[in-house]
Protein backbone atom coordinates (compact mmCIF):
# COMPACT_ATOMS: atom_id res chain seq x y z
CA MET A 1 7.44 -21.78 -21.27
CA LYS A 2 7.32 -17.97 -21.33
CA LEU A 3 3.79 -18.00 -22.76
CA THR A 4 2.71 -20.58 -20.19
CA LEU A 5 4.12 -18.48 -17.34
CA GLN A 6 2.42 -15.37 -18.71
CA LYS A 7 -0.93 -17.18 -18.63
CA LEU A 8 -0.14 -18.45 -15.12
CA VAL A 9 0.76 -15.00 -13.79
CA GLU A 10 -2.35 -13.45 -15.35
CA ASN A 11 -4.56 -16.21 -13.95
CA LYS A 12 -6.88 -15.05 -11.16
CA LEU A 13 -6.55 -18.39 -9.37
CA PHE A 14 -2.77 -17.95 -9.18
CA GLU A 15 -3.22 -14.39 -7.96
CA TRP A 16 -5.54 -15.45 -5.16
CA SER A 17 -3.18 -18.32 -4.30
CA VAL A 18 -0.44 -15.77 -3.71
CA VAL A 19 -2.84 -13.73 -1.57
CA ALA A 20 -3.64 -16.87 0.47
CA VAL A 21 0.08 -17.52 1.04
CA ILE A 22 0.57 -13.90 2.14
CA ILE A 23 -2.25 -14.35 4.66
CA ILE A 24 -0.61 -17.57 5.89
CA SER A 25 2.66 -15.64 6.23
CA ALA A 26 0.88 -13.01 8.32
CA LEU A 27 -0.62 -15.71 10.56
CA LEU A 28 2.83 -17.25 11.04
CA ILE A 29 4.18 -13.86 12.11
CA GLY A 30 1.35 -13.52 14.62
CA ALA A 31 1.90 -17.05 15.92
CA LYS A 32 5.55 -16.25 16.70
CA THR A 33 4.42 -13.63 19.23
CA TYR A 34 3.00 -16.38 21.49
CA ARG A 35 4.85 -18.83 23.69
CA LEU A 36 4.98 -22.06 21.74
CA SER A 37 6.29 -25.55 22.28
CA PRO A 38 9.55 -26.55 20.56
CA LEU A 39 7.58 -28.73 18.13
CA ALA A 40 5.28 -25.85 17.17
CA GLU A 41 8.28 -23.57 16.69
CA GLN A 42 9.86 -26.10 14.34
CA ILE A 43 6.63 -26.42 12.35
CA ILE A 44 6.36 -22.64 12.06
CA LEU A 45 10.01 -22.46 10.97
CA PHE A 46 9.48 -25.02 8.19
CA ALA A 47 6.24 -23.28 7.15
CA ASP A 48 8.06 -19.95 7.05
CA TRP A 49 10.72 -21.35 4.72
CA ALA A 50 8.01 -22.93 2.55
CA VAL A 51 6.34 -19.52 2.23
CA THR A 52 9.69 -17.93 1.36
CA LEU A 53 10.39 -20.54 -1.34
CA PHE A 54 6.89 -20.02 -2.75
CA PHE A 55 7.52 -16.27 -2.95
CA LEU A 56 10.85 -16.97 -4.66
CA ALA A 57 9.18 -19.20 -7.25
CA GLU A 58 6.44 -16.60 -7.77
CA ILE A 59 8.87 -13.70 -8.33
CA LEU A 60 10.95 -15.84 -10.72
CA ALA A 61 7.81 -16.77 -12.67
CA ARG A 62 6.86 -13.11 -13.00
CA PHE A 63 10.41 -12.23 -14.09
CA ILE A 64 10.55 -14.95 -16.75
CA ALA A 65 7.05 -14.08 -17.98
CA CYS A 66 8.01 -10.42 -18.42
CA ASP A 67 8.58 -9.49 -22.08
CA ASN A 68 11.27 -6.92 -21.30
CA LYS A 69 13.51 -8.04 -18.45
CA LYS A 70 15.07 -4.59 -18.07
CA ARG A 71 11.67 -2.97 -17.56
CA PHE A 72 10.80 -5.48 -14.86
CA PHE A 73 12.82 -3.50 -12.32
CA ASN A 74 11.47 -0.18 -13.57
CA ASN A 75 8.37 -1.05 -11.56
CA GLY A 76 8.78 -0.02 -7.91
CA TRP A 77 6.53 -2.83 -6.70
CA ASN A 78 8.71 -5.44 -8.43
CA ILE A 79 11.79 -3.98 -6.72
CA PHE A 80 9.98 -4.06 -3.37
CA ASP A 81 8.89 -7.71 -3.83
CA THR A 82 12.37 -8.76 -4.94
CA LEU A 83 14.06 -7.10 -1.95
CA ILE A 84 11.61 -8.66 0.51
CA VAL A 85 12.11 -12.13 -0.97
CA ALA A 86 15.91 -11.73 -1.23
CA VAL A 87 16.31 -10.63 2.39
CA SER A 88 13.95 -13.39 3.55
CA LEU A 89 16.30 -15.96 2.00
CA ILE A 90 19.20 -14.92 4.25
CA PRO A 91 19.54 -17.46 7.10
CA ILE A 92 19.55 -15.19 10.15
CA GLN A 93 17.87 -17.42 12.72
CA ASP A 94 19.37 -17.00 16.23
CA SER A 95 21.85 -14.39 15.02
CA GLU A 96 22.42 -10.67 15.57
CA MET A 97 20.29 -10.03 12.45
CA ALA A 98 17.31 -11.96 13.85
CA LEU A 99 15.42 -8.74 14.65
CA LEU A 100 15.92 -7.51 11.08
CA GLY A 101 14.70 -10.85 9.79
CA ARG A 102 11.51 -10.59 11.84
CA LEU A 103 10.92 -7.06 10.59
CA VAL A 104 11.38 -8.15 6.98
CA ARG A 105 8.91 -10.98 7.46
CA VAL A 106 6.42 -8.49 8.92
CA PHE A 107 6.76 -6.37 5.80
CA ARG A 108 5.97 -9.42 3.67
CA VAL A 109 2.34 -8.70 4.51
CA LEU A 110 2.69 -5.53 2.40
CA ARG A 111 3.09 -7.78 -0.62
CA MET A 112 -0.69 -7.91 -0.52
CA VAL A 113 -0.58 -4.39 -1.97
CA SER A 114 1.72 -5.36 -4.83
CA ILE A 115 -0.37 -8.41 -5.72
CA ILE A 116 -3.89 -6.95 -5.68
CA PRO A 117 -4.26 -4.35 -8.48
CA GLU A 118 -6.95 -2.38 -6.65
CA LEU A 119 -4.62 -1.81 -3.68
CA ARG A 120 -1.82 -0.77 -6.04
CA ILE A 121 -4.15 1.79 -7.60
CA LEU A 122 -4.91 3.23 -4.15
CA ILE A 123 -1.25 3.52 -3.15
CA ASN A 124 -0.20 4.92 -6.53
CA SER A 125 -3.01 7.46 -6.31
CA LEU A 126 -1.85 8.62 -2.90
CA LEU A 127 1.75 8.94 -4.09
CA LYS A 128 0.80 10.85 -7.23
CA ALA A 129 -1.51 13.12 -5.23
CA MET A 130 1.27 14.11 -2.84
CA PRO A 131 2.54 17.12 -4.91
CA GLN A 132 -0.96 18.62 -4.93
CA LEU A 133 -1.62 17.63 -1.33
CA SER A 134 1.60 19.28 -0.18
CA TYR A 135 0.22 22.74 -1.00
CA VAL A 136 -2.98 22.02 0.89
CA MET A 137 -0.96 20.73 3.84
CA LEU A 138 1.23 23.84 3.74
CA LEU A 139 -1.83 26.07 3.83
CA MET A 140 -3.28 23.97 6.65
CA PHE A 141 -0.01 24.33 8.59
CA ILE A 142 -0.21 28.12 8.18
CA ILE A 143 -3.77 28.10 9.58
CA PHE A 144 -2.64 25.86 12.46
CA TYR A 145 0.29 28.17 13.19
CA ILE A 146 -1.84 31.33 13.20
CA TYR A 147 -4.56 29.84 15.37
CA GLY A 148 -1.95 28.22 17.62
CA ALA A 149 -0.26 31.59 18.22
CA VAL A 150 -3.59 33.29 18.92
CA GLY A 151 -4.67 30.51 21.24
CA SER A 152 -1.38 30.62 23.13
CA PHE A 153 -1.59 34.40 23.60
CA PHE A 154 -5.16 34.39 24.93
CA PHE A 155 -5.70 30.99 26.55
CA ALA A 156 -2.31 30.19 28.14
CA PRO A 157 -3.29 31.82 31.48
CA ILE A 158 -6.44 29.65 31.54
CA ASN A 159 -4.74 26.29 30.92
CA THR A 160 -0.97 26.10 30.39
CA VAL A 161 -1.17 22.36 29.73
CA LEU A 162 -3.22 22.92 26.57
CA TRP A 163 -2.06 26.40 25.50
CA GLY A 164 1.32 26.90 27.20
CA ASP A 165 3.29 27.43 23.95
CA ILE A 166 2.64 27.42 20.23
CA ALA A 167 3.65 23.76 19.76
CA THR A 168 1.29 22.61 22.53
CA SER A 169 -1.43 24.89 21.15
CA MET A 170 -1.11 23.27 17.72
CA LEU A 171 -1.48 19.82 19.31
CA THR A 172 -4.60 21.03 21.11
CA LEU A 173 -5.94 22.37 17.82
CA PHE A 174 -5.33 18.98 16.22
CA ARG A 175 -7.46 17.50 18.99
CA VAL A 176 -10.14 20.08 18.19
CA MET A 177 -9.96 19.29 14.46
CA THR A 178 -10.49 15.57 15.15
CA PHE A 179 -13.46 16.41 17.45
CA GLU A 180 -11.84 14.60 20.40
CA ASP A 181 -13.65 16.21 23.40
CA TRP A 182 -13.16 19.60 21.78
CA THR A 183 -16.24 21.02 23.50
CA ASP A 184 -14.51 20.59 26.88
CA VAL A 185 -11.65 22.76 25.64
CA MET A 186 -14.07 25.34 24.28
CA TYR A 187 -16.23 25.57 27.41
CA GLU A 188 -13.12 26.01 29.56
CA THR A 189 -12.03 29.12 27.62
CA MET A 190 -15.58 30.43 27.36
CA THR A 191 -15.64 30.92 31.14
CA VAL A 192 -13.13 33.76 30.63
CA TYR A 193 -13.81 34.71 26.97
CA PRO A 194 -17.53 34.10 26.23
CA LEU A 195 -17.01 34.73 22.51
CA SER A 196 -14.12 32.26 22.20
CA TRP A 197 -16.55 29.80 20.57
CA SER A 198 -16.03 31.75 17.33
CA PHE A 199 -12.31 30.85 17.52
CA TYR A 200 -13.09 27.12 17.53
CA ILE A 201 -15.97 27.22 15.04
CA SER A 202 -13.94 29.17 12.46
CA PHE A 203 -10.94 26.86 12.95
CA ILE A 204 -13.10 23.75 12.49
CA PHE A 205 -14.68 25.27 9.39
CA PHE A 206 -11.28 25.93 7.79
CA THR A 207 -9.64 22.62 8.69
CA ALA A 208 -12.20 19.84 9.22
CA PHE A 209 -14.65 21.07 6.58
CA ALA A 210 -12.74 23.03 3.93
CA PHE A 211 -9.19 21.65 3.81
CA LEU A 212 -10.01 18.00 4.52
CA ASN A 213 -12.65 18.04 1.79
CA MET A 214 -10.04 19.51 -0.54
CA VAL A 215 -7.71 16.62 0.33
CA ILE A 216 -10.47 14.09 -0.34
CA GLY A 217 -11.31 15.78 -3.65
CA ILE A 218 -7.68 15.69 -4.82
CA VAL A 219 -7.25 12.02 -3.86
CA VAL A 220 -10.53 11.00 -5.53
CA ASN A 221 -9.60 12.89 -8.71
CA VAL A 222 -6.19 11.21 -8.94
CA LEU A 223 -7.78 7.86 -8.07
CA ASP A 224 -10.18 8.20 -11.01
CA GLN A 225 -7.26 8.99 -13.33
CA GLU A 226 -5.27 6.00 -12.07
CA LYS A 227 -8.26 3.69 -12.43
CA ALA A 228 -8.85 4.83 -16.01
CA ALA A 229 -5.16 4.31 -16.86
CA TYR A 230 -5.20 0.83 -15.28
CA GLU A 231 -8.33 -0.20 -17.18
CA LYS A 232 -6.75 0.99 -20.44
CA LEU A 233 -3.54 -0.93 -19.72
CA HIS A 234 -5.49 -4.03 -18.66
CA ALA A 235 -7.53 -3.95 -21.87
CA ALA A 236 -4.32 -3.67 -23.92
CA SER A 237 -2.73 -6.63 -22.08
CA GLU A 238 -5.86 -8.76 -22.59
CA ASN A 239 -5.84 -7.88 -26.28
CA LYS A 240 -2.19 -8.91 -26.47
CA LEU A 241 -2.88 -12.24 -24.77
CA SER A 242 -5.81 -12.92 -27.11
CA GLN A 243 -3.54 -12.24 -30.08
CA LEU A 244 -0.95 -14.63 -28.67
CA ASP A 245 -3.63 -17.30 -28.21
CA ARG A 246 -4.79 -16.81 -31.78
CA ILE A 247 -1.24 -17.08 -33.11
CA GLU A 248 -0.68 -20.21 -31.03
CA LYS A 249 -3.85 -21.81 -32.44
CA GLU A 250 -2.84 -20.89 -35.98
CA LEU A 251 0.60 -22.43 -35.44
CA VAL A 252 -1.00 -25.63 -34.13
CA GLU A 253 -3.33 -25.77 -37.16
CA LEU A 254 -0.43 -25.13 -39.53
CA LYS A 255 1.56 -27.88 -37.84
CA ASN A 256 -1.34 -30.30 -38.24
CA ILE A 257 -1.68 -29.41 -41.94
CA ILE A 258 2.04 -30.02 -42.50
CA LYS A 259 1.80 -33.38 -40.73
CA LYS A 260 -1.16 -34.39 -42.91
CA GLN A 261 0.69 -33.43 -46.08
CA GLN A 262 3.76 -35.35 -44.95
CA SER A 263 1.62 -38.41 -44.17
CA LYS A 264 0.00 -38.23 -47.66
CA GLU A 265 3.39 -37.99 -49.38
CA THR A 266 4.62 -41.06 -47.53
C-alpha cells in the first residue's frame, strides 16, 4: 500500500487533481460573498465539506507514503497543509469562530503553493534570499532617510502635505521611486529651486535603478540555486522509484518461478 501511495502522490494526474480541487475551493469561497438562496448555500456547504475531506485524504496519503514519518513534519509546507486541513475540520458554522473558519478556508488557496513545485521554489527562494536582501533594504532605508531629511528641510515651505516631516517625505520619495506622478512633485519644487531636479534624478538612480536591480539579482541567484537543488533531489527520487519498480518486478518474477517449481513438484 505504501508503494502504491508513493506512486499515486508522485503521479502528475493526482497532483493536478489536487490543484483542481484547490481552484474549486477558491470558487466556493468567492461564491459565499454573494447573496445566495438557501438551496445554493446548502450545496456550497456540502461541496465545502467534500473539499475538506478530499484534502484530509490527500494529506493522509502523503503521510503514509512518506518513508520517514518523523521527517514529514520537518517540512514547513507539510505543517502548513496539516494545520489548514485540521482547522477546516472543526465544525464552526454559525458560531463565534465562524469568521476564523472563513479565514482558514481563504488560506486554503495558498495550498496551491505547497502542491506545485515551481511555486514552492519561488517562495523558498524569497525566504532564503531574505538575509541578503535585509542588508540591501537597510542601505535603501538609509538613503530614504537622508533624502527624506533633505527634502523636508528644503521643500516643506513649498508643500507641507508632501514634505511636512521626515516620515511624510519618505512616503513622497516612495511615490517618486515608483514613478507615480513624480514629475508633478519635481516641477513643483523646481519653481523655487530650479536645480532640485538633481535631487530626484540622483534618488531615482540610487533606488529604482541600483538597489532594485541588486534585489532582483540576489533573488535570481538564489532562485537558480534552489532550482538546481530541486532538480538534483527530483532526479534522486525518480532513481529511487525506478529501483523500487525494478525490485517489485524481480519479486514478481521470483514468485512466478517458485510457483512453477511448486507446480512441477506436484
